């Protein structure tokens, strides 16, 4: 078991759910990203989703798109992010999943990426534009290195497809709460709960909900039926609003602590 599996096992024993914050690596810069990862862990994050900036982030809304653009302007790339994870591993064992589009991974090479990510201390990878049908190579290479490959389900996923995704996923299943791209907007907890019950009929793997979750109240409501809650755009917006300020870490830590308390 890698750190993600161990974390969910510990949370289940404690009857708690996972709080999973997302931030874009390199926004505002990699040194600040490193500090923010540690601040998020201190605030109660159970797993951290670290976004790899990409020029065409098709699953992301304007907030994360802008963050990716700012990070790319600074020259942030996948190899630098793996080096960042390696530095974090000197002081922290918090589980880390990279959220990357497939192009940077394909360019790196599936085998080389899996080896480098594992060596750096990455625990899992989330690739929104790599469907399960086309992921055999990455799944094989990731499994050989102990990396989880986390796949998406959506409100429109039919039962047969749901089973295929559940069978292939490792680490956890990422349930997209709202149709469309990422963004801080209302996700209806009743609709989510109904879909989660369907998913739980085909798998006992952890199911975490993201897209459209932006407040502690929303997170708490969704956590009743989910194994974890993912919050991204609201955090990324907060980071941008306070970038360059001495109290950035405090703002992010306070918001993350409120979300973690609600989820837990």
Protein backbone atom coordinates (compact mmCIF):
# COMPACT_ATOMS: atom_id res chain seq x y z
CA UNK A 1 0.00 0.00 0.00
CA UNK A 2 1.22 3.50 -0.74
CA UNK A 3 0.53 6.59 1.36
CA UNK A 4 -2.90 7.18 -0.22
CA UNK A 5 -4.07 3.66 0.66
CA UNK A 6 -2.64 3.96 4.16
CA UNK A 7 -4.38 7.31 4.68
CA UNK A 8 -7.81 6.00 3.69
CA UNK A 9 -7.36 2.95 5.90
CA UNK A 10 -6.49 5.18 8.87
CA UNK A 11 -9.41 7.53 8.16
CA UNK A 12 -11.87 4.67 7.94
CA UNK A 13 -10.68 3.30 11.27
CA UNK A 14 -11.20 6.78 12.78
CA UNK A 15 -14.61 7.15 11.05
CA UNK A 16 -13.38 10.26 9.24
CA UNK A 17 -13.42 11.48 5.65
CA UNK A 18 -10.49 12.85 3.63
CA UNK A 19 -9.94 16.54 3.00
CA UNK A 20 -8.05 16.93 -0.29
CA UNK A 21 -7.00 20.46 -1.31
CA UNK A 22 -5.81 21.22 -4.83
CA UNK A 23 -3.23 23.89 -5.66
CA UNK A 24 -1.42 24.66 -8.91
CA UNK A 25 2.32 24.03 -8.67
CA UNK A 26 4.33 27.13 -9.56
CA UNK A 27 1.58 29.66 -8.80
CA UNK A 28 2.83 32.12 -7.70
CA UNK A 29 6.16 30.22 -7.76
CA UNK A 30 7.57 26.85 -6.75
CA UNK A 31 9.11 28.09 -3.50
CA UNK A 32 5.72 29.34 -2.34
CA UNK A 33 4.07 26.11 -3.50
CA UNK A 34 6.44 24.17 -1.25
CA UNK A 35 5.49 26.37 1.71
CA UNK A 36 1.79 26.03 0.93
CA UNK A 37 1.92 22.23 0.79
CA UNK A 38 3.35 22.20 4.30
CA UNK A 39 0.80 24.79 5.47
CA UNK A 40 -2.03 22.69 4.06
CA UNK A 41 -0.73 19.58 5.81
CA UNK A 42 -0.54 21.49 9.09
CA UNK A 43 -4.10 22.75 8.55
CA UNK A 44 -5.42 19.20 8.33
CA UNK A 45 -5.12 18.14 4.67
CA UNK A 46 -5.11 14.37 4.35
CA UNK A 47 -3.98 14.17 0.71
CA UNK A 48 -2.72 17.04 -1.45
CA UNK A 49 -3.51 17.31 -5.13
CA UNK A 50 -0.73 19.18 -6.87
CA UNK A 51 -1.61 20.54 -10.30
CA UNK A 52 0.87 20.36 -13.16
CA UNK A 53 0.32 23.50 -15.29
CA UNK A 54 -0.60 22.88 -18.91
CA UNK A 55 -1.34 25.20 -21.82
CA UNK A 56 -4.72 23.66 -22.66
CA UNK A 57 -6.36 22.61 -19.36
CA UNK A 58 -9.67 21.48 -20.84
CA UNK A 59 -11.21 20.26 -17.56
CA UNK A 60 -10.45 23.49 -15.69
CA UNK A 61 -12.43 26.67 -15.34
CA UNK A 62 -11.06 30.21 -15.53
CA UNK A 63 -9.52 30.30 -12.04
CA UNK A 64 -7.29 27.26 -12.50
CA UNK A 65 -6.66 28.08 -16.16
CA UNK A 66 -5.28 31.45 -15.07
CA UNK A 67 -3.14 29.80 -12.40
CA UNK A 68 -1.72 27.39 -14.98
CA UNK A 69 -0.89 30.30 -17.28
CA UNK A 70 0.89 32.19 -14.48
CA UNK A 71 2.89 29.07 -13.55
CA UNK A 72 3.86 28.42 -17.17
CA UNK A 73 4.99 32.03 -17.53
CA UNK A 74 7.41 31.31 -14.67
CA UNK A 75 8.75 28.33 -16.62
CA UNK A 76 7.25 25.67 -14.35
CA UNK A 77 7.48 22.16 -15.79
CA UNK A 78 6.91 18.57 -14.74
CA UNK A 79 10.53 17.80 -13.89
CA UNK A 80 10.72 20.84 -11.61
CA UNK A 81 7.53 19.72 -9.88
CA UNK A 82 8.98 16.25 -9.27
CA UNK A 83 12.04 17.94 -7.76
CA UNK A 84 9.66 19.97 -5.57
CA UNK A 85 7.97 16.79 -4.31
CA UNK A 86 11.41 15.37 -3.53
CA UNK A 87 12.18 18.41 -1.35
CA UNK A 88 8.83 18.08 0.42
CA UNK A 89 9.59 14.43 1.16
CA UNK A 90 12.57 15.48 3.28
CA UNK A 91 10.18 16.94 5.84
CA UNK A 92 6.73 15.48 5.16
CA UNK A 93 4.96 12.20 4.46
CA UNK A 94 1.65 13.79 3.40
CA UNK A 95 0.22 11.82 0.45
CA UNK A 96 0.60 13.72 -2.84
CA UNK A 97 -1.25 13.11 -6.10
CA UNK A 98 -0.23 14.96 -9.24
CA UNK A 99 -3.06 16.25 -11.42
CA UNK A 100 -1.63 16.47 -14.93
CA UNK A 101 -2.95 16.38 -18.45
CA UNK A 102 -1.53 13.51 -20.44
CA UNK A 103 0.65 15.53 -22.82
CA UNK A 104 3.42 16.27 -20.24
CA UNK A 105 3.38 12.62 -19.10
CA UNK A 106 3.45 11.30 -22.67
CA UNK A 107 6.32 13.63 -23.53
CA UNK A 108 8.20 12.48 -20.42
CA UNK A 109 7.46 8.84 -21.31
CA UNK A 110 5.09 6.65 -19.28
CA UNK A 111 7.82 4.38 -17.94
CA UNK A 112 10.23 7.23 -17.20
CA UNK A 113 7.48 9.29 -15.59
CA UNK A 114 6.35 6.46 -13.32
CA UNK A 115 9.94 5.81 -12.24
CA UNK A 116 10.73 9.49 -11.66
CA UNK A 117 7.46 10.20 -9.86
CA UNK A 118 7.90 7.21 -7.57
CA UNK A 119 11.51 8.15 -6.82
CA UNK A 120 10.44 11.71 -5.97
CA UNK A 121 7.76 10.51 -3.56
CA UNK A 122 4.58 11.01 -5.60
CA UNK A 123 1.80 8.65 -4.51
CA UNK A 124 -0.72 8.95 -7.33
CA UNK A 125 -1.60 10.60 -10.60
CA UNK A 126 -4.87 12.07 -11.88
CA UNK A 127 -5.10 12.62 -15.65
CA UNK A 128 -8.46 14.05 -16.73
CA UNK A 129 -7.91 13.62 -20.47
CA UNK A 130 -6.71 10.01 -20.34
CA UNK A 131 -9.75 7.69 -20.45
CA UNK A 132 -9.52 4.32 -18.79
CA UNK A 133 -9.69 2.58 -22.20
CA UNK A 134 -6.42 4.21 -23.28
CA UNK A 135 -4.52 4.02 -20.00
CA UNK A 136 -3.14 0.47 -20.09
CA UNK A 137 0.48 1.50 -20.55
CA UNK A 138 0.45 4.10 -17.78
CA UNK A 139 -1.49 1.78 -15.46
CA UNK A 140 1.08 -0.98 -15.98
CA UNK A 141 4.08 1.28 -15.41
CA UNK A 142 2.45 2.99 -12.43
CA UNK A 143 1.54 -0.31 -10.79
CA UNK A 144 5.14 -1.48 -11.13
CA UNK A 145 6.26 1.58 -9.15
CA UNK A 146 3.45 1.62 -6.57
CA UNK A 147 1.72 4.70 -7.99
CA UNK A 148 -2.05 5.01 -7.86
CA UNK A 149 -3.86 5.97 -11.07
CA UNK A 150 -7.03 7.84 -10.15
CA UNK A 151 -9.87 7.92 -12.68
CA UNK A 152 -12.95 10.11 -12.98
CA UNK A 153 -16.64 9.36 -12.84
CA UNK A 154 -19.24 11.98 -13.73
CA UNK A 155 -22.99 12.52 -13.33
CA UNK A 156 -23.38 11.18 -16.88
CA UNK A 157 -21.35 7.97 -16.39
CA UNK A 158 -23.56 4.94 -17.28
CA UNK A 159 -23.51 1.81 -15.07
CA UNK A 160 -21.38 -0.34 -17.39
CA UNK A 161 -18.78 2.39 -17.70
CA UNK A 162 -18.91 2.93 -13.96
CA UNK A 163 -17.90 -0.68 -13.38
CA UNK A 164 -14.97 -0.46 -15.81
CA UNK A 165 -13.66 2.70 -14.16
CA UNK A 166 -14.08 1.23 -10.67
CA UNK A 167 -12.16 -1.90 -11.67
CA UNK A 168 -9.25 0.11 -13.11
CA UNK A 169 -8.93 2.86 -10.49
CA UNK A 170 -6.39 2.68 -7.70
CA UNK A 171 -5.98 5.05 -4.76
CA UNK A 172 -9.49 6.47 -5.05
CA UNK A 173 -12.18 7.35 -7.58
CA UNK A 174 -12.65 11.04 -8.38
CA UNK A 175 -16.35 11.84 -8.72
CA UNK A 176 -17.03 15.06 -10.64
CA UNK A 177 -19.88 16.70 -8.75
CA UNK A 178 -21.12 18.94 -11.56
CA UNK A 179 -21.08 18.63 -15.33
CA UNK A 180 -18.55 21.02 -16.82
CA UNK A 181 -15.20 22.40 -15.75
CA UNK A 182 -13.72 23.11 -12.34
CA UNK A 183 -14.95 26.15 -10.47
CA UNK A 184 -16.38 27.39 -7.19
CA UNK A 185 -20.10 26.98 -7.74
CA UNK A 186 -23.01 25.15 -6.17
CA UNK A 187 -22.87 21.37 -6.21
CA UNK A 188 -26.19 19.81 -5.17
CA UNK A 189 -25.54 17.40 -2.30
CA UNK A 190 -28.74 15.41 -2.86
CA UNK A 191 -27.81 14.63 -6.48
CA UNK A 192 -24.29 13.74 -5.43
CA UNK A 193 -25.49 11.43 -2.65
CA UNK A 194 -27.72 9.53 -5.07
CA UNK A 195 -24.88 9.01 -7.53
CA UNK A 196 -22.48 7.99 -4.77
CA UNK A 197 -24.91 5.28 -3.68
CA UNK A 198 -24.86 3.93 -7.24
CA UNK A 199 -21.08 3.95 -7.33
CA UNK A 200 -20.87 2.20 -3.97
CA UNK A 201 -22.93 -0.65 -5.42
CA UNK A 202 -20.10 -1.51 -7.83
CA UNK A 203 -16.99 -0.84 -5.70
CA UNK A 204 -15.70 -0.51 -2.16
CA UNK A 205 -12.84 1.74 -3.26
CA UNK A 206 -12.82 5.27 -1.79
CA UNK A 207 -14.84 7.82 -3.75
CA UNK A 208 -13.90 11.50 -3.40
CA UNK A 209 -15.97 14.39 -4.70
CA UNK A 210 -14.61 17.48 -6.43
CA UNK A 211 -15.65 20.25 -8.85
CA UNK A 212 -18.02 22.86 -7.45
CA UNK A 213 -17.11 22.50 -3.76
CA UNK A 214 -16.06 25.84 -2.32
CA UNK A 215 -17.26 26.32 1.28
CA UNK A 216 -16.97 24.42 4.58
CA UNK A 217 -20.77 24.00 4.67
CA UNK A 218 -20.80 22.39 1.21
CA UNK A 219 -17.81 20.22 2.12
CA UNK A 220 -19.47 19.00 5.30
CA UNK A 221 -22.70 18.13 3.52
CA UNK A 222 -20.96 16.23 0.73
CA UNK A 223 -18.66 14.39 3.16
CA UNK A 224 -21.67 12.60 4.64
CA UNK A 225 -21.83 10.34 1.59
CA UNK A 226 -18.32 10.59 0.16
CA UNK A 227 -15.01 9.19 1.37
CA UNK A 228 -13.30 12.51 0.68
CA UNK A 229 -13.90 16.04 -0.54
CA UNK A 230 -11.66 17.91 -3.00
CA UNK A 231 -11.50 21.72 -2.99
CA UNK A 232 -9.51 23.49 -5.69
CA UNK A 233 -10.71 26.71 -7.31
CA UNK A 234 -11.62 28.42 -4.05
CA UNK A 235 -8.10 27.80 -2.72
CA UNK A 236 -6.40 28.76 -5.97
CA UNK A 237 -8.35 32.04 -6.04
CA UNK A 238 -7.35 32.77 -2.43
CA UNK A 239 -3.69 32.13 -3.23
CA UNK A 240 -3.83 34.53 -6.16
CA UNK A 241 -5.58 37.23 -4.11
CA UNK A 242 -2.88 37.14 -1.44
CA UNK A 243 0.17 36.28 -3.59
CA UNK A 244 3.23 38.24 -2.54
CA UNK A 245 1.80 39.06 0.88
CA UNK A 246 3.48 37.99 4.09
CA UNK A 247 0.24 36.52 5.41
CA UNK A 248 -0.47 34.29 2.41
CA UNK A 249 0.23 31.13 4.38
CA UNK A 250 -2.04 32.24 7.21
CA UNK A 251 -4.94 32.97 4.85
CA UNK A 252 -4.58 29.64 3.10
CA UNK A 253 -4.04 27.75 6.36
CA UNK A 254 -7.09 29.27 8.03
CA UNK A 255 -9.39 28.51 5.10
CA UNK A 256 -7.99 24.99 4.76
CA UNK A 257 -8.41 24.37 8.51
CA UNK A 258 -12.08 25.32 8.29
CA UNK A 259 -12.58 22.98 5.34
CA UNK A 260 -10.69 20.16 7.05
CA UNK A 261 -12.74 20.51 10.23
CA UNK A 262 -15.96 20.42 8.21
CA UNK A 263 -14.94 17.32 6.27
CA UNK A 264 -13.57 15.48 9.29
